[in-house]
Amino acid sequence: NEYKSYLSFRDTMSVVVVITLLEGRQFPSKEKTELYTTCKFAGEVLNSDTVPHGNNPYFNTELAWELSRKTLQQHRLQRTPLKLIGNSDRMQAVHTTFV
């Protein structure tokens, strides 16, 4: 009986999925333009702060999602992708999918 309650407690514990975004490489340089990233995971969208739009933009940011262990396990089984999109105030710059 204690073992079963331990398993149900463990399944409800939270975990945090963290994406660390440091810098970009080989972006086309655009003066007077800001760049930011959008990351989609588990039906939730998070945005980074804006940075100057240069050849190697330096984001130095973390995006985090808090999930239950059970929910994370479901995403792993379904191979839910993380979609990272780079945006500027003029156009969409980069679209990359990570699994």
PDB file of N, CA and C in Angstrom:
ATOM      1  N   ASN A   1       0.823  -1.195   0.000  1.00  0.00           N
ATOM      2  CA  ASN A   1       0.000   0.000   0.000  1.00  0.00           C
ATOM      3  C   ASN A   1       0.869   1.261   0.000  1.00  0.00           C
ATOM      4  N   GLU A   2       1.928   1.286   0.808  1.00  0.00           N
ATOM      5  CA  GLU A   2       2.826   2.436   0.822  1.00  0.00           C
ATOM      6  C   GLU A   2       3.536   2.583  -0.519  1.00  0.00           C
ATOM      7  N   TYR A   3       3.879   1.453  -1.139  1.00  0.00           N
ATOM      8  CA  TYR A   3       4.568   1.487  -2.422  1.00  0.00           C
ATOM      9  C   TYR A   3       3.690   2.137  -3.492  1.00  0.00           C
ATOM     10  N   LYS A   4       2.414   1.789  -3.543  1.00  0.00           N
ATOM     11  CA  LYS A   4       1.503   2.365  -4.527  1.00  0.00           C
ATOM     12  C   LYS A   4       1.358   3.863  -4.320  1.00  0.00           C
ATOM     13  N   SER A   5       1.238   4.314  -3.077  1.00  0.00           N
ATOM     14  CA  SER A   5       1.090   5.748  -2.838  1.00  0.00           C
ATOM     15  C   SER A   5       2.371   6.488  -3.214  1.00  0.00           C
ATOM     16  N   TYR A   6       3.535   5.840  -3.028  1.00  0.00           N
ATOM     17  CA  TYR A   6       4.795   6.460  -3.417  1.00  0.00           C
ATOM     18  C   TYR A   6       4.843   6.652  -4.936  1.00  0.00           C
ATOM     19  N   LEU A   7       4.414   5.647  -5.696  1.00  0.00           N
ATOM     20  CA  LEU A   7       4.434   5.759  -7.142  1.00  0.00           C
ATOM     21  C   LEU A   7       3.498   6.860  -7.620  1.00  0.00           C
ATOM     22  N   SER A   8       2.322   6.971  -7.057  1.00  0.00           N
ATOM     23  CA  SER A   8       1.403   8.015  -7.501  1.00  0.00           C
ATOM     24  C   SER A   8       1.936   9.395  -7.124  1.00  0.00           C
ATOM     25  N   PHE A   9       2.600   9.525  -5.968  1.00  0.00           N
ATOM     26  CA  PHE A   9       3.204  10.793  -5.592  1.00  0.00           C
ATOM     27  C   PHE A   9       4.334  11.138  -6.555  1.00  0.00           C
ATOM     28  N   ARG A  10       5.167  10.159  -6.893  1.00  0.00           N
ATOM     29  CA  ARG A  10       6.297  10.385  -7.790  1.00  0.00           C
ATOM     30  C   ARG A  10       5.826  10.816  -9.174  1.00  0.00           C
ATOM     31  N   ASP A  11       4.720  10.235  -9.656  1.00  0.00           N
ATOM     32  CA  ASP A  11       4.200  10.594 -10.972  1.00  0.00           C
ATOM     33  C   ASP A  11       3.682  12.020 -11.020  1.00  0.00           C
ATOM     34  N   THR A  12       3.280  12.580  -9.903  1.00  0.00           N
ATOM     35  CA  THR A  12       2.741  13.934  -9.889  1.00  0.00           C
ATOM     36  C   THR A  12       3.810  14.986  -9.617  1.00  0.00           C
ATOM     37  N   MET A  13       5.044  14.568  -9.317  1.00  0.00           N
ATOM     38  CA  MET A  13       6.114  15.538  -9.087  1.00  0.00           C
ATOM     39  C   MET A  13       6.402  16.297 -10.377  1.00  0.00           C
ATOM     40  N   SER A  14       6.820  17.530 -10.247  1.00  0.00           N
ATOM     41  CA  SER A  14       7.093  18.373 -11.410  1.00  0.00           C
ATOM     42  C   SER A  14       8.542  18.269 -11.848  1.00  0.00           C
ATOM     43  N   VAL A  15       8.735  18.421 -13.140  1.00  0.00           N
ATOM     44  CA  VAL A  15      10.061  18.544 -13.721  1.00  0.00           C
ATOM     45  C   VAL A  15      10.046  19.808 -14.572  1.00  0.00           C
ATOM     46  N   VAL A  16      11.212  20.339 -14.827  1.00  0.00           N
ATOM     47  CA  VAL A  16      11.317  21.541 -15.647  1.00  0.00           C
ATOM     48  C   VAL A  16      12.148  21.220 -16.886  1.00  0.00           C
ATOM     49  N   VAL A  17      11.586  21.501 -18.045  1.00  0.00           N
ATOM     50  CA  VAL A  17      12.296  21.355 -19.314  1.00  0.00           C
ATOM     51  C   VAL A  17      12.846  22.735 -19.652  1.00  0.00           C
ATOM     52  N   VAL A  18      14.177  22.835 -19.802  1.00  0.00           N
ATOM     53  CA  VAL A  18      14.820  24.129 -20.026  1.00  0.00           C
ATOM     54  C   VAL A  18      15.561  24.118 -21.358  1.00  0.00           C
ATOM     55  N   ILE A  19      15.323  25.129 -22.162  1.00  0.00           N
ATOM     56  CA  ILE A  19      16.059  25.352 -23.409  1.00  0.00           C
ATOM     57  C   ILE A  19      16.957  26.557 -23.172  1.00  0.00           C
ATOM     58  N   THR A  20      18.264  26.375 -23.328  1.00  0.00           N
ATOM     59  CA  THR A  20      19.210  27.476 -23.202  1.00  0.00           C
ATOM     60  C   THR A  20      19.621  27.911 -24.600  1.00  0.00           C
ATOM     61  N   LEU A  21      19.355  29.150 -24.914  1.00  0.00           N
ATOM     62  CA  LEU A  21      19.680  29.705 -26.222  1.00  0.00           C
ATOM     63  C   LEU A  21      20.771  30.741 -26.027  1.00  0.00           C
ATOM     64  N   LEU A  22      21.970  30.454 -26.535  1.00  0.00           N
ATOM     65  CA  LEU A  22      23.106  31.359 -26.343  1.00  0.00           C
ATOM     66  C   LEU A  22      23.263  32.335 -27.499  1.00  0.00           C
ATOM     67  N   GLU A  23      23.511  31.824 -28.686  1.00  0.00           N
ATOM     68  CA  GLU A  23      23.743  32.724 -29.807  1.00  0.00           C
ATOM     69  C   GLU A  23      23.384  32.058 -31.125  1.00  0.00           C
ATOM     70  N   GLY A  24      23.193  32.889 -32.138  1.00  0.00           N
ATOM     71  CA  GLY A  24      22.950  32.398 -33.479  1.00  0.00           C
ATOM     72  C   GLY A  24      24.202  32.588 -34.323  1.00  0.00           C
ATOM     73  N   ARG A  25      24.258  31.900 -35.447  1.00  0.00           N
ATOM     74  CA  ARG A  25      25.404  32.019 -36.342  1.00  0.00           C
ATOM     75  C   ARG A  25      24.930  32.199 -37.773  1.00  0.00           C
ATOM     76  N   GLN A  26      25.664  33.007 -38.507  1.00  0.00           N
ATOM     77  CA  GLN A  26      25.453  33.219 -39.939  1.00  0.00           C
ATOM     78  C   GLN A  26      24.054  33.736 -40.263  1.00  0.00           C
ATOM     79  N   PHE A  27      23.563  34.667 -39.456  1.00  0.00           N
ATOM     80  CA  PHE A  27      22.310  35.345 -39.757  1.00  0.00           C
ATOM     81  C   PHE A  27      22.614  36.485 -40.729  1.00  0.00           C
ATOM     82  N   PRO A  28      21.716  36.794 -41.638  1.00  0.00           N
ATOM     83  CA  PRO A  28      21.935  37.970 -42.477  1.00  0.00           C
ATOM     84  C   PRO A  28      21.798  39.222 -41.602  1.00  0.00           C
ATOM     85  N   SER A  29      22.770  40.098 -41.662  1.00  0.00           N
ATOM     86  CA  SER A  29      22.776  41.299 -40.828  1.00  0.00           C
ATOM     87  C   SER A  29      21.756  42.310 -41.341  1.00  0.00           C
ATOM     88  N   LYS A  30      20.966  42.879 -40.428  1.00  0.00           N
ATOM     89  CA  LYS A  30      19.968  43.890 -40.789  1.00  0.00           C
ATOM     90  C   LYS A  30      20.058  45.017 -39.784  1.00  0.00           C
ATOM     91  N   GLU A  31      20.419  46.188 -40.266  1.00  0.00           N
ATOM     92  CA  GLU A  31      20.548  47.338 -39.380  1.00  0.00           C
ATOM     93  C   GLU A  31      19.185  47.808 -38.900  1.00  0.00           C
ATOM     94  N   LYS A  32      19.165  48.358 -37.697  1.00  0.00           N
ATOM     95  CA  LYS A  32      17.951  48.931 -37.090  1.00  0.00           C
ATOM     96  C   LYS A  32      16.813  47.925 -36.987  1.00  0.00           C
ATOM     97  N   THR A  33      17.153  46.658 -36.831  1.00  0.00           N
ATOM     98  CA  THR A  33      16.145  45.606 -36.704  1.00  0.00           C
ATOM     99  C   THR A  33      16.441  44.790 -35.455  1.00  0.00           C
ATOM    100  N   GLU A  34      15.397  44.391 -34.757  1.00  0.00           N
ATOM    101  CA  GLU A  34      15.528  43.554 -33.569  1.00  0.00           C
ATOM    102  C   GLU A  34      15.147  42.123 -33.930  1.00  0.00           C
ATOM    103  N   LEU A  35      15.731  41.184 -33.206  1.00  0.00           N
ATOM    104  CA  LEU A  35      15.507  39.764 -33.443  1.00  0.00           C
ATOM    105  C   LEU A  35      15.096  39.113 -32.128  1.00  0.00           C
ATOM    106  N   TYR A  36      14.166  38.166 -32.180  1.00  0.00           N
ATOM    107  CA  TYR A  36      13.767  37.398 -31.004  1.00  0.00           C
ATOM    108  C   TYR A  36      13.405  35.986 -31.440  1.00  0.00           C
ATOM    109  N   THR A  37      13.351  35.079 -30.491  1.00  0.00           N
ATOM    110  CA  THR A  37      12.993  33.699 -30.808  1.00  0.00           C
ATOM    111  C   THR A  37      11.699  33.319 -30.113  1.00  0.00           C
ATOM    112  N   THR A  38      10.989  32.425 -30.728  1.00  0.00           N
ATOM    113  CA  THR A  38       9.771  31.847 -30.193  1.00  0.00           C
ATOM    114  C   THR A  38       9.983  30.343 -30.133  1.00  0.00           C
ATOM    115  N   CYS A  39       9.647  29.735 -29.004  1.00  0.00           N
ATOM    116  CA  CYS A  39       9.782  28.291 -28.872  1.00  0.00           C
ATOM    117  C   CYS A  39       8.433  27.707 -28.464  1.00  0.00           C
ATOM    118  N   LYS A  40       7.982  26.711 -29.217  1.00  0.00           N
ATOM    119  CA  LYS A  40       6.704  26.055 -28.947  1.00  0.00           C
ATOM    120  C   LYS A  40       6.954  24.646 -28.437  1.00  0.00           C
ATOM    121  N   PHE A  41       6.319  24.310 -27.307  1.00  0.00           N
ATOM    122  CA  PHE A  41       6.412  22.960 -26.752  1.00  0.00           C
ATOM    123  C   PHE A  41       5.194  22.718 -25.868  1.00  0.00           C
ATOM    124  N   ALA A  42       4.615  21.558 -25.993  1.00  0.00           N
ATOM    125  CA  ALA A  42       3.501  21.126 -25.149  1.00  0.00           C
ATOM    126  C   ALA A  42       2.340  22.112 -25.185  1.00  0.00           C
ATOM    127  N   GLY A  43       2.095  22.691 -26.358  1.00  0.00           N
ATOM    128  CA  GLY A  43       0.978  23.603 -26.505  1.00  0.00           C
ATOM    129  C   GLY A  43       1.195  24.977 -25.899  1.00  0.00           C
ATOM    130  N   GLU A  44       2.401  25.275 -25.474  1.00  0.00           N
ATOM    131  CA  GLU A  44       2.703  26.568 -24.862  1.00  0.00           C
ATOM    132  C   GLU A  44       3.811  27.250 -25.654  1.00  0.00           C
ATOM    133  N   VAL A  45       3.686  28.564 -25.841  1.00  0.00           N
ATOM    134  CA  VAL A  45       4.648  29.347 -26.612  1.00  0.00           C
ATOM    135  C   VAL A  45       5.366  30.317 -25.682  1.00  0.00           C
ATOM    136  N   LEU A  46       6.715  30.310 -25.750  1.00  0.00           N
ATOM    137  CA  LEU A  46       7.522  31.247 -24.970  1.00  0.00           C
ATOM    138  C   LEU A  46       8.391  32.053 -25.933  1.00  0.00           C
ATOM    139  N   ASN A  47       8.616  33.330 -25.613  1.00  0.00           N
ATOM    140  CA  ASN A  47       9.436  34.219 -26.428  1.00  0.00           C
ATOM    141  C   ASN A  47      10.646  34.693 -25.645  1.00  0.00           C
ATOM    142  N   SER A  48      11.751  34.898 -26.361  1.00  0.00           N
ATOM    143  CA  SER A  48      12.946  35.477 -25.749  1.00  0.00           C
ATOM    144  C   SER A  48      12.833  36.999 -25.791  1.00  0.00           C
ATOM    145  N   ASP A  49      13.746  37.672 -25.113  1.00  0.00           N
ATOM    146  CA  ASP A  49      13.857  39.120 -25.240  1.00  0.00           C
ATOM    147  C   ASP A  49      14.424  39.435 -26.622  1.00  0.00           C
ATOM    148  N   THR A  50      14.238  40.663 -27.066  1.00  0.00           N
ATOM    149  CA  THR A  50      14.781  41.052 -28.359  1.00  0.00           C
ATOM    150  C   THR A  50      16.265  41.402 -28.231  1.00  0.00           C
ATOM    151  N   VAL A  51      16.994  41.161 -29.314  1.00  0.00           N
ATOM    152  CA  VAL A  51      18.429  41.479 -29.397  1.00  0.00           C
ATOM    153  C   VAL A  51      18.672  42.155 -30.748  1.00  0.00           C
ATOM    154  N   PRO A  52      19.775  42.905 -30.884  1.00  0.00           N
ATOM    155  CA  PRO A  52      20.094  43.493 -32.189  1.00  0.00           C
ATOM    156  C   PRO A  52      20.283  42.410 -33.247  1.00  0.00           C
ATOM    157  N   HIS A  53      19.803  42.663 -34.438  1.00  0.00           N
ATOM    158  CA  HIS A  53      19.839  41.693 -35.533  1.00  0.00           C
ATOM    159  C   HIS A  53      21.171  41.790 -36.264  1.00  0.00           C
ATOM    160  N   GLY A  54      22.177  41.052 -35.805  1.00  0.00           N
ATOM    161  CA  GLY A  54      23.497  41.033 -36.433  1.00  0.00           C
ATOM    162  C   GLY A  54      23.802  39.663 -37.007  1.00  0.00           C
ATOM    163  N   ASN A  55      25.027  39.473 -37.489  1.00  0.00           N
ATOM    164  CA  ASN A  55      25.441  38.184 -38.055  1.00  0.00           C
ATOM    165  C   ASN A  55      25.435  37.058 -37.031  1.00  0.00           C
ATOM    166  N   ASN A  56      25.833  37.359 -35.801  1.00  0.00           N
ATOM    167  CA  ASN A  56      25.873  36.370 -34.720  1.00  0.00           C
ATOM    168  C   ASN A  56      25.134  36.916 -33.505  1.00  0.00           C
ATOM    169  N   PRO A  57      23.797  36.915 -33.538  1.00  0.00           N
ATOM    170  CA  PRO A  57      23.042  37.489 -32.416  1.00  0.00           C
ATOM    171  C   PRO A  57      23.288  36.715 -31.118  1.00  0.00           C
ATOM    172  N   TYR A  58      23.461  37.454 -30.031  1.00  0.00           N
ATOM    173  CA  TYR A  58      23.744  36.860 -28.726  1.00  0.00           C
ATOM    174  C   TYR A  58      22.482  36.956 -27.871  1.00  0.00           C
ATOM    175  N   PHE A  59      21.786  35.832 -27.686  1.00  0.00           N
ATOM    176  CA  PHE A  59      20.523  35.806 -26.951  1.00  0.00           C
ATOM    177  C   PHE A  59      20.747  35.630 -25.449  1.00  0.00           C
ATOM    178  N   ASN A  60      21.568  34.667 -25.080  1.00  0.00           N
ATOM    179  CA  ASN A  60      21.855  34.358 -23.673  1.00  0.00           C
ATOM    180  C   ASN A  60      20.574  34.329 -22.828  1.00  0.00           C
ATOM    181  N   THR A  61      19.686  33.413 -23.156  1.00  0.00           N
ATOM    182  CA  THR A  61      18.407  33.312 -22.453  1.00  0.00           C
ATOM    183  C   THR A  61      18.024  31.849 -22.238  1.00  0.00           C
ATOM    184  N   GLU A  62      17.145  31.629 -21.283  1.00  0.00           N
ATOM    185  CA  GLU A  62      16.597  30.301 -21.028  1.00  0.00           C
ATOM    186  C   GLU A  62      15.075  30.375 -21.095  1.00  0.00           C
ATOM    187  N   LEU A  63      14.492  29.391 -21.736  1.00  0.00           N
ATOM    188  CA  LEU A  63      13.043  29.244 -21.792  1.00  0.00           C
ATOM    189  C   LEU A  63      12.707  27.942 -21.073  1.00  0.00           C
ATOM    190  N   ALA A  64      11.708  27.961 -20.186  1.00  0.00           N
ATOM    191  CA  ALA A  64      11.442  26.787 -19.345  1.00  0.00           C
ATOM    192  C   ALA A  64       9.952  26.472 -19.270  1.00  0.00           C
ATOM    193  N   TRP A  65       9.654  25.183 -19.269  1.00  0.00           N
ATOM    194  CA  TRP A  65       8.289  24.668 -19.106  1.00  0.00           C
ATOM    195  C   TRP A  65       8.272  23.748 -17.904  1.00  0.00           C
ATOM    196  N   GLU A  66       7.284  23.904 -17.039  1.00  0.00           N
ATOM    197  CA  GLU A  66       7.126  23.017 -15.885  1.00  0.00           C
ATOM    198  C   GLU A  66       6.042  21.988 -16.224  1.00  0.00           C
ATOM    199  N   LEU A  67       6.399  20.710 -16.093  1.00  0.00           N
ATOM    200  CA  LEU A  67       5.496  19.613 -16.426  1.00  0.00           C
ATOM    201  C   LEU A  67       5.519  18.573 -15.314  1.00  0.00           C
ATOM    202  N   SER A  68       4.454  17.791 -15.224  1.00  0.00           N
ATOM    203  CA  SER A  68       4.493  16.640 -14.325  1.00  0.00           C
ATOM    204  C   SER A  68       5.344  15.562 -14.997  1.00  0.00           C
ATOM    205  N   ARG A  69       5.865  14.644 -14.191  1.00  0.00           N
ATOM    206  CA  ARG A  69       6.668  13.552 -14.760  1.00  0.00           C
ATOM    207  C   ARG A  69       5.840  12.727 -15.744  1.00  0.00           C
ATOM    208  N   LYS A  70       4.602  12.529 -15.409  1.00  0.00           N
ATOM    209  CA  LYS A  70       3.725  11.739 -16.268  1.00  0.00           C
ATOM    210  C   LYS A  70       3.518  12.428 -17.620  1.00  0.00           C
ATOM    211  N   THR A  71       3.309  13.735 -17.597  1.00  0.00           N
ATOM    212  CA  THR A  71       3.136  14.489 -18.836  1.00  0.00           C
ATOM    213  C   THR A  71       4.407  14.469 -19.667  1.00  0.00           C
ATOM    214  N   LEU A  72       5.568  14.634 -19.021  1.00  0.00           N
ATOM    215  CA  LEU A  72       6.832  14.577 -19.733  1.00  0.00           C
ATOM    216  C   LEU A  72       7.029  13.208 -20.383  1.00  0.00           C
ATOM    217  N   GLN A  73       6.684  12.156 -19.668  1.00  0.00           N
ATOM    218  CA  GLN A  73       6.807  10.811 -20.214  1.00  0.00           C
ATOM    219  C   GLN A  73       5.932  10.657 -21.461  1.00  0.00           C
ATOM    220  N   GLN A  74       4.722  11.207 -21.436  1.00  0.00           N
ATOM    221  CA  GLN A  74       3.836  11.140 -22.604  1.00  0.00           C
ATOM    222  C   GLN A  74       4.450  11.884 -23.793  1.00  0.00           C
ATOM    223  N   HIS A  75       5.031  13.062 -23.538  1.00  0.00           N
ATOM    224  CA  HIS A  75       5.673  13.819 -24.620  1.00  0.00           C
ATOM    225  C   HIS A  75       6.866  13.060 -25.190  1.00  0.00           C
ATOM    226  N   ARG A  76       7.602  12.385 -24.332  1.00  0.00           N
ATOM    227  CA  ARG A  76       8.750  11.603 -24.811  1.00  0.00           C
ATOM    228  C   ARG A  76       8.283  10.424 -25.664  1.00  0.00           C
ATOM    229  N   LEU A  77       7.218   9.741 -25.226  1.00  0.00           N
ATOM    230  CA  LEU A  77       6.690   8.614 -25.994  1.00  0.00           C
ATOM    231  C   LEU A  77       6.146   9.067 -27.345  1.00  0.00           C
ATOM    232  N   GLN A  78       5.513  10.234 -27.373  1.00  0.00           N
ATOM    233  CA  GLN A  78       4.941  10.769 -28.613  1.00  0.00           C
ATOM    234  C   GLN A  78       5.968  11.530 -29.445  1.00  0.00           C
ATOM    235  N   ARG A  79       7.183  11.675 -28.899  1.00  0.00           N
ATOM    236  CA  ARG A  79       8.249  12.425 -29.564  1.00  0.00           C
ATOM    237  C   ARG A  79       7.788  13.822 -29.965  1.00  0.00           C
ATOM    238  N   THR A  80       7.179  14.512 -29.002  1.00  0.00           N
ATOM    239  CA  THR A  80       6.685  15.865 -29.225  1.00  0.00           C
ATOM    240  C   THR A  80       7.860  16.780 -29.571  1.00  0.00           C
ATOM    241  N   PRO A  81       7.783  17.480 -30.711  1.00  0.00           N
ATOM    242  CA  PRO A  81       8.918  18.336 -31.093  1.00  0.00           C
ATOM    243  C   PRO A  81       8.926  19.662 -30.338  1.00  0.00           C
ATOM    244  N   LEU A  82      10.118  20.210 -30.198  1.00  0.00           N
ATOM    245  CA  LEU A  82      10.302  21.593 -29.759  1.00  0.00           C
ATOM    246  C   LEU A  82      10.500  22.392 -31.036  1.00  0.00           C
ATOM    247  N   LYS A  83       9.718  23.429 -31.240  1.00  0.00           N
ATOM    248  CA  LYS A  83       9.866  24.241 -32.444  1.00  0.00           C
ATOM    249  C   LYS A  83      10.443  25.582 -32.053  1.00  0.00           C
ATOM    250  N   LEU A  84      11.625  25.847 -32.560  1.00  0.00           N
ATOM    251  CA  LEU A  84      12.327  27.089 -32.279  1.00  0.00           C
ATOM    252  C   LEU A  84      12.308  27.937 -33.542  1.00  0.00           C
ATOM    253  N   ILE A  85      11.747  29.144 -33.447  1.00  0.00           N
ATOM    254  CA  ILE A  85      11.591  30.020 -34.602  1.00  0.00           C
ATOM    255  C   ILE A  85      12.244  31.355 -34.303  1.00  0.00           C
ATOM    256  N   GLY A  86      13.098  31.813 -35.207  1.00  0.00           N
ATOM    257  CA  GLY A  86      13.702  33.126 -35.082  1.00  0.00           C
ATOM    258  C   GLY A  86      12.881  34.141 -35.854  1.00  0.00           C
ATOM    259  N   ASN A  87      12.579  35.261 -35.223  1.00  0.00           N
ATOM    260  CA  ASN A  87      11.741  36.284 -35.846  1.00  0.00           C
ATOM    261  C   ASN A  87      12.412  37.642 -35.750  1.00  0.00           C
ATOM    262  N   SER A  88      12.128  38.498 -36.724  1.00  0.00           N
ATOM    263  CA  SER A  88      12.540  39.888 -36.637  1.00  0.00           C
ATOM    264  C   SER A  88      11.282  40.729 -36.785  1.00  0.00           C
ATOM    265  N   ASP A  89      11.423  42.031 -36.612  1.00  0.00           N
ATOM    266  CA  ASP A  89      10.231  42.864 -36.741  1.00  0.00           C
ATOM    267  C   ASP A  89       9.805  43.044 -38.199  1.00  0.00           C
ATOM    268  N   ARG A  90      10.629  42.547 -39.140  1.00  0.00           N
ATOM    269  CA  ARG A  90      10.284  42.672 -40.560  1.00  0.00           C
ATOM    270  C   ARG A  90       9.862  41.356 -41.204  1.00  0.00           C
ATOM    271  N   MET A  91      10.521  40.263 -40.777  1.00  0.00           N
ATOM    272  CA  MET A  91      10.226  38.975 -41.431  1.00  0.00           C
ATOM    273  C   MET A  91      10.629  37.813 -40.545  1.00  0.00           C
ATOM    274  N   GLN A  92      10.159  36.631 -40.880  1.00  0.00           N
ATOM    275  CA  GLN A  92      10.560  35.434 -40.173  1.00  0.00           C
ATOM    276  C   GLN A  92      11.931  35.018 -40.686  1.00  0.00           C
ATOM    277  N   ALA A  93      12.905  34.861 -39.747  1.00  0.00           N
ATOM    278  CA  ALA A  93      14.285  34.634 -40.164  1.00  0.00           C
ATOM    279  C   ALA A  93      14.650  33.158 -40.238  1.00  0.00           C
ATOM    280  N   VAL A  94      14.356  32.385 -39.216  1.00  0.00           N
ATOM    281  CA  VAL A  94      14.820  31.006 -39.139  1.00  0.00           C
ATOM    282  C   VAL A  94      13.698  30.147 -38.583  1.00  0.00           C
ATOM    283  N   HIS A  95      13.599  28.918 -39.071  1.00  0.00           N
ATOM    284  CA  HIS A  95      12.624  27.969 -38.519  1.00  0.00           C
ATOM    285  C   HIS A  95      13.338  26.635 -38.367  1.00  0.00           C
ATOM    286  N   THR A  96      13.534  26.213 -37.120  1.00  0.00           N
ATOM    287  CA  THR A  96      14.237  24.976 -36.841  1.00  0.00           C
ATOM    288  C   THR A  96      13.415  24.135 -35.870  1.00  0.00           C
ATOM    289  N   THR A  97      13.352  22.840 -36.109  1.00  0.00           N
ATOM    290  CA  THR A  97      12.636  21.926 -35.216  1.00  0.00           C
ATOM    291  C   THR A  97      13.646  21.006 -34.552  1.00  0.00           C
ATOM    292  N   PHE A  98      13.574  20.920 -33.206  1.00  0.00           N
ATOM    293  CA  PHE A  98      14.419  20.027 -32.438  1.00  0.00           C
ATOM    294  C   PHE A  98      13.546  18.951 -31.821  1.00  0.00           C
ATOM    295  N   VAL A  99      14.030  17.734 -31.786  1.00  0.00           N
ATOM    296  CA  VAL A  99      13.297  16.642 -31.138  1.00  0.00           C
ATOM    297  C   VAL A  99      14.096  16.146 -29.967  1.00  0.00           C
TER     298      VAL A  99
END
